[in-house]
PDB file of N, CA and C in Angstrom:
ATOM      1  N   MET A   1      71.063 -13.042  -4.406  1.00  0.00           N
ATOM      2  CA  MET A   1      71.226 -12.145  -3.684  1.00  0.00           C
ATOM      3  C   MET A   1      69.983 -12.805  -2.184  1.00  0.00           C
ATOM      4  N   ALA A   2      70.395 -12.888  -1.348  1.00  0.00           N
ATOM      5  CA  ALA A   2      69.733 -13.788  -0.582  1.00  0.00           C
ATOM      6  C   ALA A   2      68.995 -13.052   0.460  1.00  0.00           C
ATOM      7  N   ILE A   3      68.275 -13.123   1.108  1.00  0.00           N
ATOM      8  CA  ILE A   3      66.613 -12.542   1.607  1.00  0.00           C
ATOM      9  C   ILE A   3      66.284 -13.503   2.373  1.00  0.00           C
ATOM     10  N   GLU A   4      67.088 -12.937   3.787  1.00  0.00           N
ATOM     11  CA  GLU A   4      66.557 -13.351   5.493  1.00  0.00           C
ATOM     12  C   GLU A   4      64.878 -12.508   5.728  1.00  0.00           C
ATOM     13  N   ARG A   5      64.086 -13.119   5.931  1.00  0.00           N
ATOM     14  CA  ARG A   5      62.546 -12.841   6.650  1.00  0.00           C
ATOM     15  C   ARG A   5      62.542 -13.053   8.189  1.00  0.00           C
ATOM     16  N   GLN A   6      62.286 -12.560   9.231  1.00  0.00           N
ATOM     17  CA  GLN A   6      62.514 -13.013  10.186  1.00  0.00           C
ATOM     18  C   GLN A   6      61.101 -13.778  10.896  1.00  0.00           C
ATOM     19  N   TRP A   7      59.302 -13.762   9.967  1.00  0.00           N
ATOM     20  CA  TRP A   7      58.884 -13.649  10.149  1.00  0.00           C
ATOM     21  C   TRP A   7      57.929 -14.364   9.290  1.00  0.00           C
ATOM     22  N   PRO A   8      57.026 -15.055   9.774  1.00  0.00           N
ATOM     23  CA  PRO A   8      56.248 -16.435   8.477  1.00  0.00           C
ATOM     24  C   PRO A   8      55.278 -15.097   7.473  1.00  0.00           C
ATOM     25  N   CYS A   9      55.506 -15.492   5.961  1.00  0.00           N
ATOM     26  CA  CYS A   9      55.083 -14.810   4.774  1.00  0.00           C
ATOM     27  C   CYS A   9      54.438 -15.475   3.908  1.00  0.00           C
ATOM     28  N   SER A  10      53.237 -14.891   3.857  1.00  0.00           N
ATOM     29  CA  SER A  10      52.833 -15.684   1.870  1.00  0.00           C
ATOM     30  C   SER A  10      53.533 -15.603   0.797  1.00  0.00           C
ATOM     31  N   ARG A  11      53.306 -16.535  -0.244  1.00  0.00           N
ATOM     32  CA  ARG A  11      53.833 -16.576  -2.056  1.00  0.00           C
ATOM     33  C   ARG A  11      53.826 -15.283  -1.523  1.00  0.00           C
ATOM     34  N   TRP A  12      52.976 -14.799  -1.652  1.00  0.00           N
ATOM     35  CA  TRP A  12      52.801 -13.715  -2.912  1.00  0.00           C
ATOM     36  C   TRP A  12      53.775 -12.462  -2.495  1.00  0.00           C
ATOM     37  N   PHE A  13      53.457 -12.492  -0.961  1.00  0.00           N
ATOM     38  CA  PHE A  13      53.771 -11.049   0.216  1.00  0.00           C
ATOM     39  C   PHE A  13      56.166 -11.612   0.352  1.00  0.00           C
ATOM     40  N   ASP A  14      56.444 -13.071   0.179  1.00  0.00           N
ATOM     41  CA  ASP A  14      57.500 -13.142  -0.698  1.00  0.00           C
ATOM     42  C   ASP A  14      58.027 -12.588  -2.126  1.00  0.00           C
ATOM     43  N   THR A  15      57.193 -12.571  -3.155  1.00  0.00           N
ATOM     44  CA  THR A  15      57.403 -12.474  -4.045  1.00  0.00           C
ATOM     45  C   THR A  15      58.052 -11.316  -4.039  1.00  0.00           C
ATOM     46  N   LEU A  16      56.776  -9.997  -3.428  1.00  0.00           N
ATOM     47  CA  LEU A  16      57.198  -8.942  -3.626  1.00  0.00           C
ATOM     48  C   LEU A  16      58.417  -8.063  -2.727  1.00  0.00           C
ATOM     49  N   ILE A  17      58.701  -8.987  -1.840  1.00  0.00           N
ATOM     50  CA  ILE A  17      59.620  -8.825  -0.829  1.00  0.00           C
ATOM     51  C   ILE A  17      61.009  -9.058  -1.950  1.00  0.00           C
ATOM     52  N   GLY A  18      60.857  -9.859  -2.736  1.00  0.00           N
ATOM     53  CA  GLY A  18      62.021 -10.252  -3.876  1.00  0.00           C
ATOM     54  C   GLY A  18      62.193  -9.057  -5.063  1.00  0.00           C
ATOM     55  N   GLY A  19      61.302  -8.872  -5.433  1.00  0.00           N
ATOM     56  CA  GLY A  19      60.575  -7.594  -6.122  1.00  0.00           C
ATOM     57  C   GLY A  19      61.178  -6.330  -5.479  1.00  0.00           C
ATOM     58  N   ILE A  20      61.183  -6.007  -4.627  1.00  0.00           N
ATOM     59  CA  ILE A  20      62.077  -4.972  -4.120  1.00  0.00           C
ATOM     60  C   ILE A  20      63.297  -5.094  -4.267  1.00  0.00           C
ATOM     61  N   VAL A  21      63.682  -5.908  -3.763  1.00  0.00           N
ATOM     62  CA  VAL A  21      65.588  -6.310  -3.914  1.00  0.00           C
ATOM     63  C   VAL A  21      65.323  -6.075  -5.192  1.00  0.00           C
ATOM     64  N   ASP A  22      65.066  -6.692  -6.074  1.00  0.00           N
ATOM     65  CA  ASP A  22      65.084  -6.669  -7.964  1.00  0.00           C
ATOM     66  C   ASP A  22      64.661  -5.950  -8.691  1.00  0.00           C
ATOM     67  N   ILE A  23      64.430  -4.541  -7.825  1.00  0.00           N
ATOM     68  CA  ILE A  23      64.251  -3.413  -8.089  1.00  0.00           C
ATOM     69  C   ILE A  23      65.895  -2.921  -8.307  1.00  0.00           C
ATOM     70  N   MET A  24      66.237  -2.764  -7.340  1.00  0.00           N
ATOM     71  CA  MET A  24      67.669  -2.757  -6.797  1.00  0.00           C
ATOM     72  C   MET A  24      68.860  -2.929  -7.733  1.00  0.00           C
ATOM     73  N   ARG A  25      68.258  -4.212  -8.919  1.00  0.00           N
ATOM     74  CA  ARG A  25      69.344  -4.501  -9.742  1.00  0.00           C
ATOM     75  C   ARG A  25      69.232  -4.421 -10.625  1.00  0.00           C
ATOM     76  N   CYS A  26      67.597  -4.163 -11.509  1.00  0.00           N
ATOM     77  CA  CYS A  26      67.067  -3.024 -12.382  1.00  0.00           C
ATOM     78  C   CYS A  26      68.086  -1.703 -12.435  1.00  0.00           C
ATOM     79  N   LYS A  27      68.302  -1.186 -11.091  1.00  0.00           N
ATOM     80  CA  LYS A  27      68.386   0.186 -10.796  1.00  0.00           C
ATOM     81  C   LYS A  27      69.868   0.419 -11.567  1.00  0.00           C
ATOM     82  N   VAL A  28      70.860  -0.693 -10.849  1.00  0.00           N
ATOM     83  CA  VAL A  28      72.033  -0.596 -11.295  1.00  0.00           C
ATOM     84  C   VAL A  28      72.670  -1.153 -12.798  1.00  0.00           C
ATOM     85  N   ASN A  29      71.494  -1.559 -13.789  1.00  0.00           N
ATOM     86  CA  ASN A  29      71.403  -2.159 -14.898  1.00  0.00           C
ATOM     87  C   ASN A  29      71.969  -3.454 -14.621  1.00  0.00           C
ATOM     88  N   TYR A  30      71.840  -4.220 -13.421  1.00  0.00           N
ATOM     89  CA  TYR A  30      72.272  -5.431 -12.951  1.00  0.00           C
ATOM     90  C   TYR A  30      71.276  -6.566 -13.946  1.00  0.00           C
ATOM     91  N   ALA A  31      70.119  -6.312 -14.085  1.00  0.00           N
ATOM     92  CA  ALA A  31      69.046  -7.218 -14.520  1.00  0.00           C
ATOM     93  C   ALA A  31      69.654  -8.605 -15.127  1.00  0.00           C
ATOM     94  N   PRO A  32      69.301  -9.492 -14.809  1.00  0.00           N
ATOM     95  CA  PRO A  32      69.135 -10.671 -15.994  1.00  0.00           C
ATOM     96  C   PRO A  32      68.996 -10.565 -17.341  1.00  0.00           C
ATOM     97  N   SER A  33      69.767 -11.345 -18.438  1.00  0.00           N
ATOM     98  CA  SER A  33      68.400 -10.755 -19.416  1.00  0.00           C
ATOM     99  C   SER A  33      67.170 -11.100 -19.802  1.00  0.00           C
ATOM    100  N   ASN A  34      66.567 -12.636 -18.627  1.00  0.00           N
ATOM    101  CA  ASN A  34      65.203 -13.606 -18.779  1.00  0.00           C
ATOM    102  C   ASN A  34      64.720 -12.658 -18.158  1.00  0.00           C
ATOM    103  N   TRP A  35      64.729 -12.014 -16.923  1.00  0.00           N
ATOM    104  CA  TRP A  35      63.826 -10.536 -16.585  1.00  0.00           C
ATOM    105  C   TRP A  35      62.713 -10.406 -17.665  1.00  0.00           C
ATOM    106  N   VAL A  36      61.293 -10.685 -17.944  1.00  0.00           N
ATOM    107  CA  VAL A  36      60.665 -10.256 -18.410  1.00  0.00           C
ATOM    108  C   VAL A  36      60.182  -8.117 -18.797  1.00  0.00           C
ATOM    109  N   LEU A  37      60.299  -7.988 -19.730  1.00  0.00           N
ATOM    110  CA  LEU A  37      59.889  -6.373 -20.618  1.00  0.00           C
ATOM    111  C   LEU A  37      58.523  -5.837 -19.603  1.00  0.00           C
ATOM    112  N   PRO A  38      59.367  -4.727 -19.326  1.00  0.00           N
ATOM    113  CA  PRO A  38      57.404  -4.006 -19.081  1.00  0.00           C
ATOM    114  C   PRO A  38      56.128  -4.266 -20.085  1.00  0.00           C
ATOM    115  N   GLY A  39      55.393  -5.114 -18.960  1.00  0.00           N
ATOM    116  CA  GLY A  39      53.911  -5.440 -19.787  1.00  0.00           C
ATOM    117  C   GLY A  39      54.288  -6.550 -20.160  1.00  0.00           C
ATOM    118  N   GLN A  40      54.555  -7.370 -19.380  1.00  0.00           N
ATOM    119  CA  GLN A  40      54.482  -8.477 -20.546  1.00  0.00           C
ATOM    120  C   GLN A  40      54.751  -9.511 -19.501  1.00  0.00           C
ATOM    121  N   GLY A  41      53.597  -8.595 -18.362  1.00  0.00           N
ATOM    122  CA  GLY A  41      53.299  -9.286 -16.709  1.00  0.00           C
ATOM    123  C   GLY A  41      52.349  -9.498 -17.048  1.00  0.00           C
ATOM    124  N   ASP A  42      51.611 -10.690 -16.941  1.00  0.00           N
ATOM    125  CA  ASP A  42      50.245 -11.614 -15.947  1.00  0.00           C
ATOM    126  C   ASP A  42      50.111 -11.237 -14.773  1.00  0.00           C
ATOM    127  N   ARG A  43      50.527 -10.839 -13.707  1.00  0.00           N
ATOM    128  CA  ARG A  43      50.080 -10.470 -12.847  1.00  0.00           C
ATOM    129  C   ARG A  43      51.046  -9.307 -11.930  1.00  0.00           C
ATOM    130  N   TRP A  44      50.559  -8.620 -11.236  1.00  0.00           N
ATOM    131  CA  TRP A  44      51.851  -7.592 -10.199  1.00  0.00           C
ATOM    132  C   TRP A  44      52.475  -8.855  -9.456  1.00  0.00           C
ATOM    133  N   TYR A  45      52.430  -9.465  -8.729  1.00  0.00           N
ATOM    134  CA  TYR A  45      52.589 -10.056  -7.816  1.00  0.00           C
ATOM    135  C   TYR A  45      52.982 -11.281  -8.750  1.00  0.00           C
ATOM    136  N   GLN A  46      53.357 -10.838  -9.223  1.00  0.00           N
ATOM    137  CA  GLN A  46      54.656 -12.875 -10.109  1.00  0.00           C
ATOM    138  C   GLN A  46      55.478 -12.709 -10.694  1.00  0.00           C
ATOM    139  N   GLY A  47      56.617 -13.022  -9.651  1.00  0.00           N
ATOM    140  CA  GLY A  47      58.185 -12.450 -10.564  1.00  0.00           C
ATOM    141  C   GLY A  47      58.951 -11.934 -11.008  1.00  0.00           C
ATOM    142  N   PHE A  48      59.245 -11.829 -11.962  1.00  0.00           N
ATOM    143  CA  PHE A  48      59.674 -10.425 -12.182  1.00  0.00           C
ATOM    144  C   PHE A  48      59.099  -9.825 -12.712  1.00  0.00           C
ATOM    145  N   ASP A  49      57.347 -10.111 -12.746  1.00  0.00           N
ATOM    146  CA  ASP A  49      56.028  -8.810 -13.741  1.00  0.00           C
ATOM    147  C   ASP A  49      56.411  -8.407 -11.815  1.00  0.00           C
ATOM    148  N   THR A  50      57.294  -8.087 -11.367  1.00  0.00           N
ATOM    149  CA  THR A  50      56.646  -7.464 -10.024  1.00  0.00           C
ATOM    150  C   THR A  50      58.358  -6.405  -9.974  1.00  0.00           C
ATOM    151  N   VAL A  51      58.945  -6.798 -10.647  1.00  0.00           N
ATOM    152  CA  VAL A  51      60.305  -5.815 -11.047  1.00  0.00           C
ATOM    153  C   VAL A  51      59.258  -4.192 -11.330  1.00  0.00           C
ATOM    154  N   GLN A  52      58.890  -5.015 -13.094  1.00  0.00           N
ATOM    155  CA  GLN A  52      58.545  -4.124 -13.889  1.00  0.00           C
ATOM    156  C   GLN A  52      57.339  -3.179 -13.074  1.00  0.00           C
ATOM    157  N   PHE A  53      56.606  -3.693 -12.103  1.00  0.00           N
ATOM    158  CA  PHE A  53      55.131  -3.103 -11.768  1.00  0.00           C
ATOM    159  C   PHE A  53      56.043  -1.988 -10.676  1.00  0.00           C
ATOM    160  N   MET A  54      56.790  -2.327  -9.959  1.00  0.00           N
ATOM    161  CA  MET A  54      57.412  -1.348  -9.292  1.00  0.00           C
ATOM    162  C   MET A  54      57.672  -0.725  -9.994  1.00  0.00           C
ATOM    163  N   ASP A  55      58.789  -0.742 -10.694  1.00  0.00           N
ATOM    164  CA  ASP A  55      59.768  -0.078 -10.852  1.00  0.00           C
ATOM    165  C   ASP A  55      58.869   1.038 -11.627  1.00  0.00           C
ATOM    166  N   TYR A  56      57.472   0.550 -12.801  1.00  0.00           N
ATOM    167  CA  TYR A  56      56.688   1.769 -13.242  1.00  0.00           C
ATOM    168  C   TYR A  56      56.130   2.688 -11.661  1.00  0.00           C
ATOM    169  N   CYS A  57      55.890   2.022 -11.053  1.00  0.00           N
ATOM    170  CA  CYS A  57      55.081   2.638  -9.525  1.00  0.00           C
ATOM    171  C   CYS A  57      55.618   4.066  -8.751  1.00  0.00           C
ATOM    172  N   THR A  58      56.934   3.345  -9.393  1.00  0.00           N
ATOM    173  CA  THR A  58      58.699   4.014  -8.373  1.00  0.00           C
ATOM    174  C   THR A  58      58.450   5.447  -9.712  1.00  0.00           C
ATOM    175  N   SER A  59      58.130   4.586 -11.181  1.00  0.00           N
ATOM    176  CA  SER A  59      57.619   6.673 -12.259  1.00  0.00           C
ATOM    177  C   SER A  59      56.474   7.924 -11.701  1.00  0.00           C
ATOM    178  N   LEU A  60      56.135   7.377 -10.909  1.00  0.00           N
ATOM    179  CA  LEU A  60      54.545   7.763 -10.455  1.00  0.00           C
ATOM    180  C   LEU A  60      55.016   8.735  -9.032  1.00  0.00           C
ATOM    181  N   ARG A  61      55.630   8.200  -8.211  1.00  0.00           N
ATOM    182  CA  ARG A  61      55.518   9.163  -6.970  1.00  0.00           C
ATOM    183  C   ARG A  61      58.017   8.476  -6.628  1.00  0.00           C
ATOM    184  N   ASN A  62      58.180   9.471  -6.347  1.00  0.00           N
ATOM    185  CA  ASN A  62      59.457   9.682  -6.020  1.00  0.00           C
ATOM    186  C   ASN A  62      59.851   9.289  -4.430  1.00  0.00           C
ATOM    187  N   GLY A  63      60.713   8.134  -4.491  1.00  0.00           N
ATOM    188  CA  GLY A  63      60.981   6.858  -3.571  1.00  0.00           C
ATOM    189  C   GLY A  63      59.806   6.263  -2.439  1.00  0.00           C
ATOM    190  N   PHE A  64      58.914   5.686  -4.055  1.00  0.00           N
ATOM    191  CA  PHE A  64      57.780   4.459  -3.506  1.00  0.00           C
ATOM    192  C   PHE A  64      58.631   3.343  -3.387  1.00  0.00           C
ATOM    193  N   VAL A  65      59.364   3.134  -3.160  1.00  0.00           N
ATOM    194  CA  VAL A  65      59.429   1.770  -3.133  1.00  0.00           C
ATOM    195  C   VAL A  65      60.286   1.585  -1.311  1.00  0.00           C
ATOM    196  N   ALA A  66      61.161   2.515  -1.302  1.00  0.00           N
ATOM    197  CA  ALA A  66      61.383   3.388   0.382  1.00  0.00           C
ATOM    198  C   ALA A  66      60.040   2.874   1.017  1.00  0.00           C
ATOM    199  N   GLU A  67      59.281   4.286   1.023  1.00  0.00           N
ATOM    200  CA  GLU A  67      58.090   4.485   1.374  1.00  0.00           C
ATOM    201  C   GLU A  67      57.303   3.201   1.815  1.00  0.00           C
ATOM    202  N   HIS A  68      56.575   2.636   0.776  1.00  0.00           N
ATOM    203  CA  HIS A  68      56.346   0.904   0.386  1.00  0.00           C
ATOM    204  C   HIS A  68      56.853   0.303   1.146  1.00  0.00           C
ATOM    205  N   ASN A  69      58.173  -0.124   1.598  1.00  0.00           N
ATOM    206  CA  ASN A  69      58.753  -1.126   2.078  1.00  0.00           C
ATOM    207  C   ASN A  69      58.789  -0.506   3.878  1.00  0.00           C
ATOM    208  N   LYS A  70      58.729   0.269   4.131  1.00  0.00           N
ATOM    209  CA  LYS A  70      58.952   1.094   5.192  1.00  0.00           C
ATOM    210  C   LYS A  70      57.256   0.157   5.891  1.00  0.00           C
ATOM    211  N   LYS A  71      56.056   0.476   4.867  1.00  0.00           N
ATOM    212  CA  LYS A  71      54.799   0.136   5.672  1.00  0.00           C
ATOM    213  C   LYS A  71      54.475  -1.724   5.487  1.00  0.00           C
ATOM    214  N   MET A  72      55.350  -2.479   5.203  1.00  0.00           N
ATOM    215  CA  MET A  72      55.483  -3.913   4.859  1.00  0.00           C
ATOM    216  C   MET A  72      56.469  -4.198   6.139  1.00  0.00           C
ATOM    217  N   ARG A  73      56.964  -3.553   7.267  1.00  0.00           N
ATOM    218  CA  ARG A  73      57.049  -4.048   8.185  1.00  0.00           C
ATOM    219  C   ARG A  73      56.541  -5.192   9.028  1.00  0.00           C
ATOM    220  N   SER A  74      55.396  -5.037   9.336  1.00  0.00           N
ATOM    221  CA  SER A  74      54.685  -5.970   9.884  1.00  0.00           C
ATOM    222  C   SER A  74      53.692  -6.641   9.285  1.00  0.00           C
ATOM    223  N   GLY A  75      53.413  -6.438   7.582  1.00  0.00           N
ATOM    224  CA  GLY A  75      52.611  -7.214   7.133  1.00  0.00           C
ATOM    225  C   GLY A  75      52.244  -5.808   5.901  1.00  0.00           C
ATOM    226  N   TYR A  76      51.208  -6.681   5.554  1.00  0.00           N
ATOM    227  CA  TYR A  76      50.847  -5.944   4.234  1.00  0.00           C
ATOM    228  C   TYR A  76      49.820  -6.062   3.621  1.00  0.00           C
ATOM    229  N   SER A  77      48.807  -4.211   2.801  1.00  0.00           N
ATOM    230  CA  SER A  77      47.869  -4.810   2.734  1.00  0.00           C
ATOM    231  C   SER A  77      47.840  -3.845   1.010  1.00  0.00           C
ATOM    232  N   ASN A  78      46.749  -4.203   0.890  1.00  0.00           N
ATOM    233  CA  ASN A  78      46.762  -3.264  -0.547  1.00  0.00           C
ATOM    234  C   ASN A  78      46.444  -1.986  -0.054  1.00  0.00           C
ATOM    235  N   SER A  79      45.791  -1.494   0.361  1.00  0.00           N
ATOM    236  CA  SER A  79      45.537  -0.167   1.101  1.00  0.00           C
ATOM    237  C   SER A  79      46.525   0.536   1.193  1.00  0.00           C
ATOM    238  N   TYR A  80      47.727   0.297   1.026  1.00  0.00           N
ATOM    239  CA  TYR A  80      49.403   1.321   1.166  1.00  0.00           C
ATOM    240  C   TYR A  80      49.731   1.555  -0.362  1.00  0.00           C
ATOM    241  N   LEU A  81      49.458   0.757  -1.767  1.00  0.00           N
ATOM    242  CA  LEU A  81      49.420   1.317  -2.342  1.00  0.00           C
ATOM    243  C   LEU A  81      47.963   2.781  -2.634  1.00  0.00           C
ATOM    244  N   VAL A  82      46.962   2.257  -2.126  1.00  0.00           N
ATOM    245  CA  VAL A  82      46.371   4.163  -1.742  1.00  0.00           C
ATOM    246  C   VAL A  82      46.942   4.414  -1.415  1.00  0.00           C
ATOM    247  N   ASP A  83      46.806   4.526  -0.510  1.00  0.00           N
ATOM    248  CA  ASP A  83      48.530   5.912   0.850  1.00  0.00           C
ATOM    249  C   ASP A  83      49.225   6.337  -0.323  1.00  0.00           C
ATOM    250  N   LEU A  84      49.665   5.755  -0.604  1.00  0.00           N
ATOM    251  CA  LEU A  84      51.417   5.866  -1.947  1.00  0.00           C
ATOM    252  C   LEU A  84      50.748   6.905  -3.461  1.00  0.00           C
ATOM    253  N   LEU A  85      50.345   6.546  -3.882  1.00  0.00           N
ATOM    254  CA  LEU A  85      50.009   6.624  -5.472  1.00  0.00           C
ATOM    255  C   LEU A  85      48.281   6.616  -5.075  1.00  0.00           C
ATOM    256  N   GLY A  86      47.860   6.461  -4.023  1.00  0.00           N
ATOM    257  CA  GLY A  86      46.259   7.709  -4.608  1.00  0.00           C
ATOM    258  C   GLY A  86      45.374   5.796  -6.003  1.00  0.00           C
ATOM    259  N   LYS A  87      45.775   5.112  -5.740  1.00  0.00           N
ATOM    260  CA  LYS A  87      44.794   4.045  -6.999  1.00  0.00           C
ATOM    261  C   LYS A  87      44.849   2.579  -6.190  1.00  0.00           C
ATOM    262  N   THR A  88      43.714   1.472  -6.038  1.00  0.00           N
ATOM    263  CA  THR A  88      44.615   0.682  -6.161  1.00  0.00           C
ATOM    264  C   THR A  88      45.674  -0.051  -6.510  1.00  0.00           C
ATOM    265  N   VAL A  89      45.382  -1.255  -6.467  1.00  0.00           N
ATOM    266  CA  VAL A  89      46.581  -2.854  -7.279  1.00  0.00           C
ATOM    267  C   VAL A  89      46.074  -2.718  -8.416  1.00  0.00           C
ATOM    268  N   ASP A  90      44.683  -2.859  -8.289  1.00  0.00           N
ATOM    269  CA  ASP A  90      44.052  -3.436  -9.880  1.00  0.00           C
ATOM    270  C   ASP A  90      44.082  -2.382 -11.293  1.00  0.00           C
ATOM    271  N   GLN A  91      44.114  -0.491  -9.921  1.00  0.00           N
ATOM    272  CA  GLN A  91      44.119   0.472 -11.305  1.00  0.00           C
ATOM    273  C   GLN A  91      45.533   0.856 -11.909  1.00  0.00           C
ATOM    274  N   LEU A  92      46.153   0.596 -10.801  1.00  0.00           N
ATOM    275  CA  LEU A  92      47.595   0.571 -11.189  1.00  0.00           C
ATOM    276  C   LEU A  92      48.077  -0.219 -12.032  1.00  0.00           C
ATOM    277  N   TRP A  93      48.251  -1.372 -11.689  1.00  0.00           N
ATOM    278  CA  TRP A  93      48.023  -2.581 -12.872  1.00  0.00           C
ATOM    279  C   TRP A  93      47.236  -1.999 -14.678  1.00  0.00           C
ATOM    280  N   CYS A  94      46.488  -1.692 -14.603  1.00  0.00           N
ATOM    281  CA  CYS A  94      46.129  -1.826 -15.801  1.00  0.00           C
ATOM    282  C   CYS A  94      46.166  -0.364 -16.917  1.00  0.00           C
ATOM    283  N   GLU A  95      47.003   0.693 -15.357  1.00  0.00           N
ATOM    284  CA  GLU A  95      47.714   1.683 -16.509  1.00  0.00           C
ATOM    285  C   GLU A  95      48.731   1.189 -16.347  1.00  0.00           C
ATOM    286  N   TYR A  96      49.238   0.490 -15.655  1.00  0.00           N
ATOM    287  CA  TYR A  96      50.636  -0.275 -16.269  1.00  0.00           C
ATOM    288  C   TYR A  96      50.647  -0.969 -17.272  1.00  0.00           C
ATOM    289  N   ILE A  97      49.646  -1.318 -17.967  1.00  0.00           N
ATOM    290  CA  ILE A  97      49.369  -2.470 -19.039  1.00  0.00           C
ATOM    291  C   ILE A  97      49.011  -1.819 -20.009  1.00  0.00           C
ATOM    292  N   ALA A  98      48.310  -0.677 -19.886  1.00  0.00           N
ATOM    293  CA  ALA A  98      47.564   0.141 -20.566  1.00  0.00           C
ATOM    294  C   ALA A  98      49.302   0.754 -21.619  1.00  0.00           C
ATOM    295  N   LYS A  99      49.926   1.309 -19.561  1.00  0.00           N
ATOM    296  CA  LYS A  99      51.267   2.203 -21.161  1.00  0.00           C
ATOM    297  C   LYS A  99      52.337   1.835 -21.797  1.00  0.00           C
ATOM    298  N   TYR A 100      52.433   0.342 -21.546  1.00  0.00           N
ATOM    299  CA  TYR A 100      53.752  -0.770 -21.905  1.00  0.00           C
ATOM    300  C   TYR A 100      52.932  -1.312 -23.347  1.00  0.00           C
ATOM    301  N   GLY A 101      51.526  -1.890 -23.081  1.00  0.00           N
ATOM    302  CA  GLY A 101      50.478  -2.836 -23.766  1.00  0.00           C
ATOM    303  C   GLY A 101      51.459  -4.303 -23.457  1.00  0.00           C
ATOM    304  N   ARG A 102      51.102  -5.152 -24.111  1.00  0.00           N
ATOM    305  CA  ARG A 102      50.941  -6.747 -23.884  1.00  0.00           C
ATOM    306  C   ARG A 102      52.460  -6.966 -25.184  1.00  0.00           C
ATOM    307  N   ASN A 103      53.409  -6.926 -24.543  1.00  0.00           N
ATOM    308  CA  ASN A 103      55.039  -6.393 -25.914  1.00  0.00           C
ATOM    309  C   ASN A 103      54.725  -8.650 -26.609  1.00  0.00           C
TER     310      ASN A 103
END
């Protein structure tokens, strides 16, 4: 699946956008076997780790991905997660890792 952007973005922002697309693949059981399992990631913004982390965030708030995507129309701020889930990205990542453990 190709993603086309009309504005410049940083590498991790690019990964986050890709993660939003990939979570849709995950939700329809179209995820490749080489994707990390929940809890296996090193960073929330690193490759396929983003998919599992975004899925976790979705479990905390129905419609999270759509709402988060709307907020990112003109850029990104870590405060978006606080706005939507009431916690910082670091707090959410720690809770995510604690829930699934390091597989």
